[in-house]
Amino acid sequence: MAKNVVVIGAQWGDEGKGKIVDWLAEETSGVVRFQGGHNAGHTLVVGGKKTVLRLIPSGILHEKLECFIGSGVVLCPQALFGEIDELNAAGVADVEGRLKIAPTATLILPYHIALDQAREASRGAGKIGTTGRGIGPAYEDKVARRAIRVVDLLDTGRLKEKLESVLAYYNVQLQNLHNAAPVALEDVMAVVEKFAPRIRPMVADVPRILFDKYRKGERLLFEGAQGTLLDIDYGTYPFVTSSNCLAGAASAGAGVPPQMLHYVLGIVKAYTTRVGSGPFPTELFDDVGAGLAERGNEFGSVTGRARRCGWFDAAALKRSIQINGISGMCITKLDVMDGIEEIKICTGYTLPDGSTTDILPFGSDAVAGCTPVYETMPGWTESTFGVKEYDKLPANARAYLKRIEEICGAPVAIVSTGPDREETIVLHHPFA
């Protein structure tokens, strides 16, 4: 049978998953996005040309590859077709013909976005850092069993009745709790009627197609969004996203059995970043942190928000390795560490009661009480940008990677030394 690979973010997101999915995709017959929404931003650089994807799997630039959006994704029609139109304009072949969407995926509609933004505005200083794109309210609808799903677009007459009931629920909240304008049924139906004809041809039995590919011995790649430390259950709650970002979520989100998930590749920055609110034990507020942000161009590819930067947190990564079953790590942005005289690695934390732990605790309050315990290593002055052979990395850079392996207990399989597809060092290929 084929060896299928799950790619997940092992920190707070923004680790560089898009490049690695795109790089691995040529080994497969399909790439599957299994959770999240268009709050994700996966940046690909091929031949110096930059492409940002939000919903469409990062294998779409391989022009003979099928791409799939699974049931675990919340799908905004406007965002989907905005992205498709961008790809079409860039000359990417047959995007709509190669993209298959699960009928059970939940739709994001205008009332989700209105409530998301109204809630965040009402929180004042207690903002959780949502992107305001309707992701959370759409997942709420799914769990509350009132979601409008892709399959509902096949019968827009019946859909109108469902929307009347849902809008009554949302407009009470918008008007009475948040003093915001209601969303009109006509406005929602205008969105549905505009995009439904384009979505219908892409609707397919995604779980069946994936299982058939597996039985034929074809390889598949499962692409996660966000990062483990933003997981709704195991992240720094409530400063988290609204879906499960773990490798195990690929099974439910794509509709495949766990036996089909063979190798988990955790994407890890050579330092740590976080966007939005929430605790961040190793955050730097000095020139080193500012330098990481500048050299790493640490701004969100979707929101443009500045990312907070800090030292590598091995204790947090150890938690990710544990709950994902990470088979190998891909270390990205190693070149951003070039020129730092002394490098620190967080190996654990001191807790408020004076005790210590070598692994990230659960929940934002517990994490906020963590004081990092650091180990210091010498940095390197040589450039690692674009290096494609491990032995050509500076000795201190190799020692840094080795120490990360030792502390975290998982092997480094891949090292990324630049944004382009070709700027990659392979120590162990996940499909090997």
Protein backbone atom coordinates (compact mmCIF):
# COMPACT_ATOMS: atom_id res chain seq x y z
CA MET A 1 0.00 0.00 0.00
CA ALA A 2 1.01 3.63 -0.49
CA LYS A 3 2.71 5.61 2.24
CA ASN A 4 0.57 8.66 2.98
CA VAL A 5 1.92 11.73 4.77
CA VAL A 6 0.20 14.24 7.09
CA VAL A 7 1.78 17.71 7.27
CA ILE A 8 0.92 19.72 10.39
CA GLY A 9 2.18 22.87 12.05
CA ALA A 10 3.91 22.03 15.33
CA GLN A 11 3.98 25.53 16.86
CA TRP A 12 1.49 28.44 16.79
CA GLY A 13 1.05 28.29 13.01
CA ASP A 14 2.92 30.21 10.28
CA GLU A 15 5.70 27.59 10.23
CA GLY A 16 5.99 27.37 6.44
CA LYS A 17 3.71 24.40 5.75
CA GLY A 18 2.71 25.61 2.28
CA LYS A 19 6.20 25.37 0.82
CA ILE A 20 6.69 21.85 2.17
CA VAL A 21 3.29 20.62 0.98
CA ASP A 22 4.00 22.03 -2.47
CA TRP A 23 7.46 20.39 -2.46
CA LEU A 24 6.10 16.98 -1.39
CA ALA A 25 3.05 17.16 -3.66
CA GLU A 26 4.92 16.02 -6.77
CA GLU A 27 5.31 12.61 -5.09
CA THR A 28 1.53 12.16 -4.80
CA SER A 29 -1.70 11.86 -6.77
CA GLY A 30 -3.68 14.12 -4.45
CA VAL A 31 -3.44 16.75 -1.71
CA VAL A 32 -6.18 17.05 0.90
CA ARG A 33 -6.98 20.03 3.12
CA PHE A 34 -8.74 18.61 6.19
CA GLN A 35 -9.54 21.49 8.61
CA GLY A 36 -9.62 25.25 9.08
CA GLY A 37 -10.89 27.92 6.77
CA HIS A 38 -9.56 30.90 4.83
CA ASN A 39 -7.91 32.19 8.00
CA ALA A 40 -4.95 30.03 6.96
CA GLY A 41 -2.31 31.44 4.67
CA HIS A 42 0.10 29.11 2.89
CA THR A 43 2.78 30.92 0.90
CA LEU A 44 4.51 29.16 -1.99
CA VAL A 45 7.53 30.44 -3.91
CA VAL A 46 8.32 28.61 -7.14
CA GLY A 47 11.00 29.99 -9.42
CA GLY A 48 10.91 33.26 -7.50
CA LYS A 49 7.15 33.70 -8.03
CA LYS A 50 5.05 34.03 -4.87
CA THR A 51 1.57 32.53 -4.49
CA VAL A 52 -0.57 32.76 -1.33
CA LEU A 53 -3.24 30.10 -0.83
CA ARG A 54 -5.89 30.21 1.88
CA LEU A 55 -8.38 27.43 1.16
CA ILE A 56 -7.13 25.55 -1.87
CA PRO A 57 -4.57 22.83 -1.07
CA SER A 58 -0.95 23.76 -1.68
CA GLY A 59 -0.57 21.11 -4.38
CA ILE A 60 -2.67 23.05 -6.88
CA LEU A 61 0.39 24.45 -8.69
CA HIS A 62 1.24 20.92 -9.87
CA GLU A 63 -0.93 20.98 -12.94
CA LYS A 64 -1.89 17.29 -13.11
CA LEU A 65 -2.59 16.89 -9.41
CA GLU A 66 -6.06 16.50 -7.89
CA CYS A 67 -6.81 18.60 -4.81
CA PHE A 68 -9.50 17.98 -2.20
CA ILE A 69 -11.32 20.04 0.41
CA GLY A 70 -12.56 17.75 3.16
CA SER A 71 -15.51 17.85 5.52
CA GLY A 72 -13.43 19.33 8.33
CA VAL A 73 -12.97 22.60 6.41
CA VAL A 74 -15.35 25.55 6.73
CA LEU A 75 -15.76 27.00 3.25
CA CYS A 76 -16.42 30.64 2.36
CA PRO A 77 -17.70 30.77 -1.25
CA GLN A 78 -16.45 34.31 -1.87
CA ALA A 79 -12.99 33.43 -0.60
CA LEU A 80 -12.88 30.19 -2.57
CA PHE A 81 -13.68 31.78 -5.91
CA GLY A 82 -11.54 34.82 -5.24
CA GLU A 83 -8.65 32.41 -4.86
CA ILE A 84 -9.64 30.36 -7.91
CA ASP A 85 -9.87 33.51 -10.02
CA GLU A 86 -6.39 34.59 -8.84
CA LEU A 87 -4.97 31.20 -9.84
CA ASN A 88 -6.73 31.31 -13.21
CA ALA A 89 -5.34 34.77 -13.86
CA ALA A 90 -1.86 33.47 -13.00
CA GLY A 91 -2.21 30.77 -15.65
CA VAL A 92 -2.64 27.75 -13.36
CA ALA A 93 -4.36 25.09 -15.45
CA ASP A 94 -7.84 23.66 -14.82
CA VAL A 95 -8.17 24.69 -11.19
CA GLU A 96 -11.93 24.02 -10.97
CA GLY A 97 -11.58 20.75 -12.88
CA ARG A 98 -8.96 19.42 -10.45
CA LEU A 99 -10.56 20.61 -7.19
CA LYS A 100 -13.05 18.32 -5.43
CA ILE A 101 -15.14 19.47 -2.45
CA ALA A 102 -16.80 17.24 0.14
CA PRO A 103 -20.60 17.76 0.23
CA THR A 104 -20.44 17.63 4.03
CA ALA A 105 -18.17 20.70 4.38
CA THR A 106 -19.80 23.58 6.27
CA LEU A 107 -20.30 26.91 4.48
CA ILE A 108 -19.28 30.30 5.86
CA LEU A 109 -21.99 32.83 4.95
CA PRO A 110 -22.34 36.60 5.55
CA TYR A 111 -24.02 36.23 8.96
CA HIS A 112 -21.04 34.25 10.30
CA ILE A 113 -18.68 37.06 9.35
CA ALA A 114 -20.99 39.74 10.80
CA LEU A 115 -21.25 37.95 14.16
CA ASP A 116 -17.53 37.15 14.32
CA GLN A 117 -16.59 40.80 13.83
CA ALA A 118 -19.32 42.10 16.16
CA ARG A 119 -18.22 39.76 18.95
CA GLU A 120 -14.55 40.68 18.65
CA ALA A 121 -15.41 44.39 18.71
CA SER A 122 -17.49 43.86 21.85
CA ARG A 123 -14.62 42.17 23.70
CA GLY A 124 -12.55 45.34 23.93
CA ALA A 125 -9.28 44.59 25.73
CA GLY A 126 -10.28 40.92 25.96
CA LYS A 127 -9.95 40.28 22.22
CA ILE A 128 -8.84 36.73 21.36
CA GLY A 129 -7.26 37.71 18.04
CA THR A 130 -9.78 36.22 15.62
CA THR A 131 -9.32 37.12 11.98
CA GLY A 132 -13.01 38.09 11.77
CA ARG A 133 -13.64 35.81 8.80
CA GLY A 134 -16.54 33.86 10.30
CA ILE A 135 -14.56 30.71 11.05
CA GLY A 136 -15.62 30.28 14.69
CA PRO A 137 -19.36 30.89 14.18
CA ALA A 138 -19.38 28.45 11.24
CA TYR A 139 -17.86 25.72 13.42
CA GLU A 140 -20.42 26.57 16.13
CA ASP A 141 -23.21 25.97 13.61
CA LYS A 142 -21.69 22.63 12.68
CA VAL A 143 -21.63 21.42 16.27
CA ALA A 144 -25.09 22.87 16.99
CA ARG A 145 -26.48 21.02 13.92
CA ARG A 146 -27.78 24.12 12.19
CA ALA A 147 -24.99 24.45 9.61
CA ILE A 148 -25.61 25.15 5.95
CA ARG A 149 -23.39 22.66 4.13
CA VAL A 150 -22.11 22.37 0.59
CA VAL A 151 -24.74 19.73 -0.17
CA ASP A 152 -27.46 22.30 0.58
CA LEU A 153 -26.38 24.23 -2.51
CA LEU A 154 -27.79 21.45 -4.65
CA ASP A 155 -31.33 22.52 -3.71
CA THR A 156 -31.49 26.30 -3.26
CA GLY A 157 -35.29 26.26 -2.94
CA ARG A 158 -35.17 24.25 0.28
CA LEU A 159 -32.08 26.15 1.34
CA LYS A 160 -34.05 29.39 1.54
CA GLU A 161 -36.30 27.87 4.22
CA LYS A 162 -33.29 26.77 6.26
CA LEU A 163 -31.71 30.20 6.00
CA GLU A 164 -34.83 31.95 7.30
CA SER A 165 -34.58 29.97 10.54
CA VAL A 166 -30.82 30.44 10.89
CA LEU A 167 -31.00 34.19 10.25
CA ALA A 168 -33.65 34.65 12.90
CA TYR A 169 -31.20 33.15 15.39
CA TYR A 170 -28.26 35.27 14.25
CA ASN A 171 -30.06 38.57 13.92
CA VAL A 172 -31.30 38.43 17.50
CA GLN A 173 -27.67 38.23 18.63
CA LEU A 174 -26.42 40.89 16.24
CA GLN A 175 -29.08 43.43 17.19
CA ASN A 176 -29.68 42.72 20.88
CA LEU A 177 -26.25 41.63 22.12
CA HIS A 178 -23.91 43.61 19.89
CA ASN A 179 -25.97 46.56 18.66
CA ALA A 180 -25.04 45.59 15.10
CA ALA A 181 -27.04 45.65 11.88
CA PRO A 182 -29.03 42.53 10.98
CA VAL A 183 -28.18 40.45 7.91
CA ALA A 184 -30.92 40.32 5.28
CA LEU A 185 -32.06 37.02 3.78
CA GLU A 186 -31.84 38.58 0.31
CA ASP A 187 -28.16 39.36 0.81
CA VAL A 188 -27.36 35.79 1.83
CA MET A 189 -29.39 34.34 -1.03
CA ALA A 190 -27.55 36.62 -3.46
CA VAL A 191 -24.26 35.05 -2.36
CA VAL A 192 -25.68 31.53 -2.60
CA GLU A 193 -27.22 32.05 -6.03
CA LYS A 194 -24.05 33.64 -7.37
CA PHE A 195 -21.67 30.88 -6.32
CA ALA A 196 -23.79 27.70 -6.19
CA PRO A 197 -23.60 27.05 -9.96
CA ARG A 198 -19.78 27.13 -9.82
CA ILE A 199 -19.53 24.97 -6.70
CA ARG A 200 -21.91 22.20 -7.81
CA PRO A 201 -19.60 20.65 -10.45
CA MET A 202 -16.82 20.36 -7.86
CA VAL A 203 -18.90 18.51 -5.26
CA ALA A 204 -17.71 14.90 -4.98
CA ASP A 205 -17.57 11.94 -2.60
CA VAL A 206 -14.14 12.86 -1.30
CA PRO A 207 -13.79 9.99 1.21
CA ARG A 208 -14.62 7.42 -1.48
CA ILE A 209 -12.17 8.93 -3.99
CA LEU A 210 -9.37 9.03 -1.41
CA PHE A 211 -9.99 5.46 -0.31
CA ASP A 212 -10.00 4.25 -3.91
CA LYS A 213 -6.70 6.02 -4.56
CA TYR A 214 -5.23 4.37 -1.49
CA ARG A 215 -6.38 0.92 -2.60
CA LYS A 216 -4.75 1.48 -5.97
CA GLY A 217 -1.46 2.16 -4.21
CA GLU A 218 -1.41 5.91 -4.91
CA ARG A 219 0.21 8.31 -2.45
CA LEU A 220 -1.75 11.07 -0.72
CA LEU A 221 -0.72 14.16 1.20
CA PHE A 222 -2.91 15.60 3.98
CA GLU A 223 -2.42 19.32 4.62
CA GLY A 224 -3.21 20.88 7.98
CA ALA A 225 -3.75 24.56 8.70
CA GLN A 226 -2.76 26.69 11.71
CA GLY A 227 -0.64 24.89 14.33
CA THR A 228 -0.84 22.40 17.18
CA LEU A 229 -0.61 25.06 19.90
CA LEU A 230 -3.72 26.70 18.39
CA ASP A 231 -5.73 23.46 18.55
CA ILE A 232 -9.23 23.94 19.99
CA ASP A 233 -8.68 21.18 22.59
CA TYR A 234 -4.94 21.14 23.28
CA GLY A 235 -3.81 24.66 22.46
CA THR A 236 -3.56 27.76 24.67
CA TYR A 237 -7.34 27.95 25.10
CA PRO A 238 -9.20 30.29 24.60
CA PHE A 239 -6.53 31.94 22.42
CA VAL A 240 -6.88 29.21 19.82
CA THR A 241 -8.50 28.52 16.47
CA SER A 242 -11.88 26.78 16.18
CA SER A 243 -10.79 23.41 14.81
CA ASN A 244 -8.54 20.49 15.65
CA CYS A 245 -5.14 21.10 14.06
CA LEU A 246 -3.61 17.76 15.04
CA ALA A 247 -2.53 14.95 12.74
CA GLY A 248 -5.38 12.81 14.03
CA ALA A 249 -7.87 15.36 12.69
CA ALA A 250 -6.88 14.34 9.16
CA SER A 251 -8.84 11.14 9.58
CA ALA A 252 -12.14 12.79 10.53
CA GLY A 253 -11.61 15.92 8.43
CA ALA A 254 -10.86 14.04 5.22
CA GLY A 255 -13.08 11.02 5.91
CA VAL A 256 -10.37 8.37 5.82
CA PRO A 257 -9.50 5.60 8.30
CA PRO A 258 -6.56 6.20 10.68
CA GLN A 259 -4.72 3.29 9.06
CA MET A 260 -4.28 5.49 5.98
CA LEU A 261 -2.10 7.97 7.89
CA HIS A 262 1.44 6.61 7.85
CA TYR A 263 3.91 9.45 8.46
CA VAL A 264 3.42 12.71 10.36
CA LEU A 265 5.70 15.56 9.33
CA GLY A 266 5.76 18.38 11.86
CA ILE A 267 6.74 21.77 10.44
CA VAL A 268 8.81 23.78 12.92
CA LYS A 269 10.44 27.20 12.65
CA ALA A 270 14.05 27.48 13.81
CA TYR A 271 12.70 30.02 16.30
CA THR A 272 9.15 30.60 17.58
CA THR A 273 6.44 33.02 16.48
CA ARG A 274 2.89 33.75 17.43
CA VAL A 275 0.32 36.06 15.85
CA GLY A 276 -2.50 37.68 17.78
CA SER A 277 -3.21 37.44 21.51
CA GLY A 278 -2.31 34.72 23.98
CA PRO A 279 0.61 33.63 26.18
CA PHE A 280 4.05 33.16 24.61
CA PRO A 281 6.74 32.18 27.15
CA THR A 282 9.83 32.75 24.98
CA GLU A 283 8.70 36.02 23.38
CA LEU A 284 11.49 38.54 22.86
CA PHE A 285 11.00 42.29 23.26
CA ASP A 286 14.57 43.29 22.39
CA ASP A 287 16.66 43.84 19.28
CA VAL A 288 17.07 40.08 18.77
CA GLY A 289 13.29 39.65 18.52
CA ALA A 290 13.01 42.65 16.22
CA GLY A 291 15.79 41.22 14.05
CA LEU A 292 14.04 37.86 13.74
CA ALA A 293 10.84 39.64 12.70
CA GLU A 294 12.63 41.76 10.11
CA ARG A 295 14.78 39.01 8.58
CA GLY A 296 11.96 36.50 8.70
CA ASN A 297 9.43 38.94 7.20
CA GLU A 298 7.12 37.99 10.04
CA PHE A 299 3.81 39.35 8.85
CA GLY A 300 0.70 37.21 8.31
CA SER A 301 0.18 36.20 4.68
CA VAL A 302 -3.60 36.57 5.07
CA THR A 303 -4.03 39.35 7.63
CA GLY A 304 -0.76 41.25 7.36
CA ARG A 305 -0.56 41.28 11.17
CA ALA A 306 2.93 41.40 12.69
CA ARG A 307 4.00 38.14 14.32
CA ARG A 308 5.54 38.11 17.77
CA CYS A 309 8.97 36.44 17.79
CA GLY A 310 10.92 34.50 20.40
CA TRP A 311 13.53 31.86 21.07
CA PHE A 312 12.99 28.24 20.07
CA ASP A 313 10.65 26.57 22.57
CA ALA A 314 11.58 22.90 22.78
CA ALA A 315 9.22 22.28 25.71
CA ALA A 316 6.26 23.43 23.62
CA LEU A 317 7.46 21.35 20.68
CA LYS A 318 7.74 18.30 22.91
CA ARG A 319 4.00 18.60 23.58
CA SER A 320 3.32 18.78 19.84
CA ILE A 321 5.45 15.72 19.17
CA GLN A 322 3.57 13.81 21.84
CA ILE A 323 0.01 14.55 20.77
CA ASN A 324 0.65 14.35 17.02
CA GLY A 325 2.93 11.32 16.97
CA ILE A 326 5.38 13.28 14.84
CA SER A 327 7.56 10.94 12.75
CA GLY A 328 9.99 13.64 11.63
CA MET A 329 10.46 17.39 11.79
CA CYS A 330 11.01 19.90 9.02
CA ILE A 331 12.94 22.89 10.38
CA THR A 332 12.14 26.03 8.39
CA LYS A 333 13.71 29.51 8.25
CA LEU A 334 17.08 28.35 9.54
CA ASP A 335 18.64 31.21 7.57
CA VAL A 336 16.81 33.77 9.75
CA MET A 337 19.08 32.70 12.64
CA ASP A 338 22.22 33.65 10.72
CA GLY A 339 24.39 36.23 12.48
CA ILE A 340 23.05 35.81 16.02
CA GLU A 341 26.04 35.57 18.39
CA GLU A 342 24.38 33.47 21.08
CA ILE A 343 21.25 31.37 20.62
CA LYS A 344 18.93 30.24 23.39
CA ILE A 345 16.72 27.14 23.47
CA CYS A 346 13.90 26.87 26.00
CA THR A 347 14.24 23.39 27.54
CA GLY A 348 11.47 23.71 30.14
CA TYR A 349 9.69 26.10 32.50
CA THR A 350 9.67 27.19 36.09
CA LEU A 351 6.10 27.31 37.41
CA PRO A 352 4.68 29.84 39.90
CA ASP A 353 5.02 27.36 42.79
CA GLY A 354 8.74 26.95 42.07
CA SER A 355 8.46 23.52 40.48
CA THR A 356 9.69 22.84 36.96
CA THR A 357 8.34 21.03 33.92
CA ASP A 358 9.89 20.03 30.62
CA ILE A 359 6.63 20.14 28.64
CA LEU A 360 4.05 22.85 27.84
CA PRO A 361 1.02 22.72 30.18
CA PHE A 362 -2.54 23.01 28.88
CA GLY A 363 -4.57 26.24 28.79
CA SER A 364 -3.60 29.88 28.57
CA ASP A 365 -3.56 30.58 32.31
CA ALA A 366 -1.09 27.77 32.97
CA VAL A 367 1.14 28.80 30.05
CA ALA A 368 1.05 32.45 31.13
CA GLY A 369 2.56 31.36 34.45
CA CYS A 370 5.54 29.66 32.80
CA THR A 371 9.01 31.20 33.05
CA PRO A 372 11.32 29.68 30.43
CA VAL A 373 14.47 27.81 31.41
CA TYR A 374 17.13 28.41 28.75
CA GLU A 375 20.18 26.64 27.43
CA THR A 376 22.65 28.80 25.49
CA MET A 377 24.53 27.75 22.37
CA PRO A 378 26.96 29.62 20.11
CA GLY A 379 25.47 31.02 16.92
CA TRP A 380 27.05 31.29 13.48
CA THR A 381 28.05 34.12 11.18
CA GLU A 382 28.08 32.22 7.88
CA SER A 383 25.02 32.37 5.60
CA THR A 384 22.79 29.31 5.46
CA PHE A 385 20.43 30.85 2.89
CA GLY A 386 19.81 28.53 -0.04
CA VAL A 387 22.18 25.79 1.20
CA LYS A 388 21.05 22.44 -0.23
CA GLU A 389 23.46 20.00 1.46
CA TYR A 390 23.52 19.32 5.19
CA ASP A 391 27.33 19.03 5.38
CA LYS A 392 27.64 22.54 3.95
CA LEU A 393 25.77 24.10 6.85
CA PRO A 394 27.96 25.85 9.45
CA ALA A 395 29.09 23.51 12.23
CA ASN A 396 27.21 25.53 14.85
CA ALA A 397 24.01 25.39 12.79
CA ARG A 398 24.32 21.60 12.60
CA ALA A 399 24.94 21.49 16.36
CA TYR A 400 21.80 23.59 16.91
CA LEU A 401 19.67 21.19 14.85
CA LYS A 402 21.18 18.21 16.63
CA ARG A 403 20.41 19.70 20.03
CA ILE A 404 16.79 20.30 19.01
CA GLU A 405 16.54 16.61 18.11
CA GLU A 406 18.05 15.55 21.44
CA ILE A 407 15.77 17.70 23.58
CA CYS A 408 12.55 17.06 21.67
CA GLY A 409 13.00 13.38 20.89
CA ALA A 410 12.13 13.46 17.20
CA PRO A 411 14.46 13.42 14.18
CA VAL A 412 15.01 16.33 11.81
CA ALA A 413 13.96 14.98 8.41
CA ILE A 414 14.08 18.18 6.33
CA VAL A 415 15.71 21.60 6.66
CA SER A 416 14.38 24.59 4.72
CA THR A 417 16.97 27.29 4.01
CA GLY A 418 14.84 29.65 1.94
CA PRO A 419 11.30 30.17 0.63
CA ASP A 420 11.80 28.62 -2.81
CA ARG A 421 10.83 25.01 -3.46
CA GLU A 422 14.45 24.15 -4.30
CA GLU A 423 16.01 25.63 -1.14
CA THR A 424 15.59 22.42 0.82
CA ILE A 425 17.89 19.89 2.52
CA VAL A 426 16.53 16.34 2.76
CA LEU A 427 17.89 14.06 5.48
CA HIS A 428 15.02 11.59 5.36
CA HIS A 429 12.29 11.81 2.74
CA PRO A 430 8.83 11.21 4.25
CA PHE A 431 7.79 9.13 1.24
CA ALA A 432 10.97 7.03 1.27
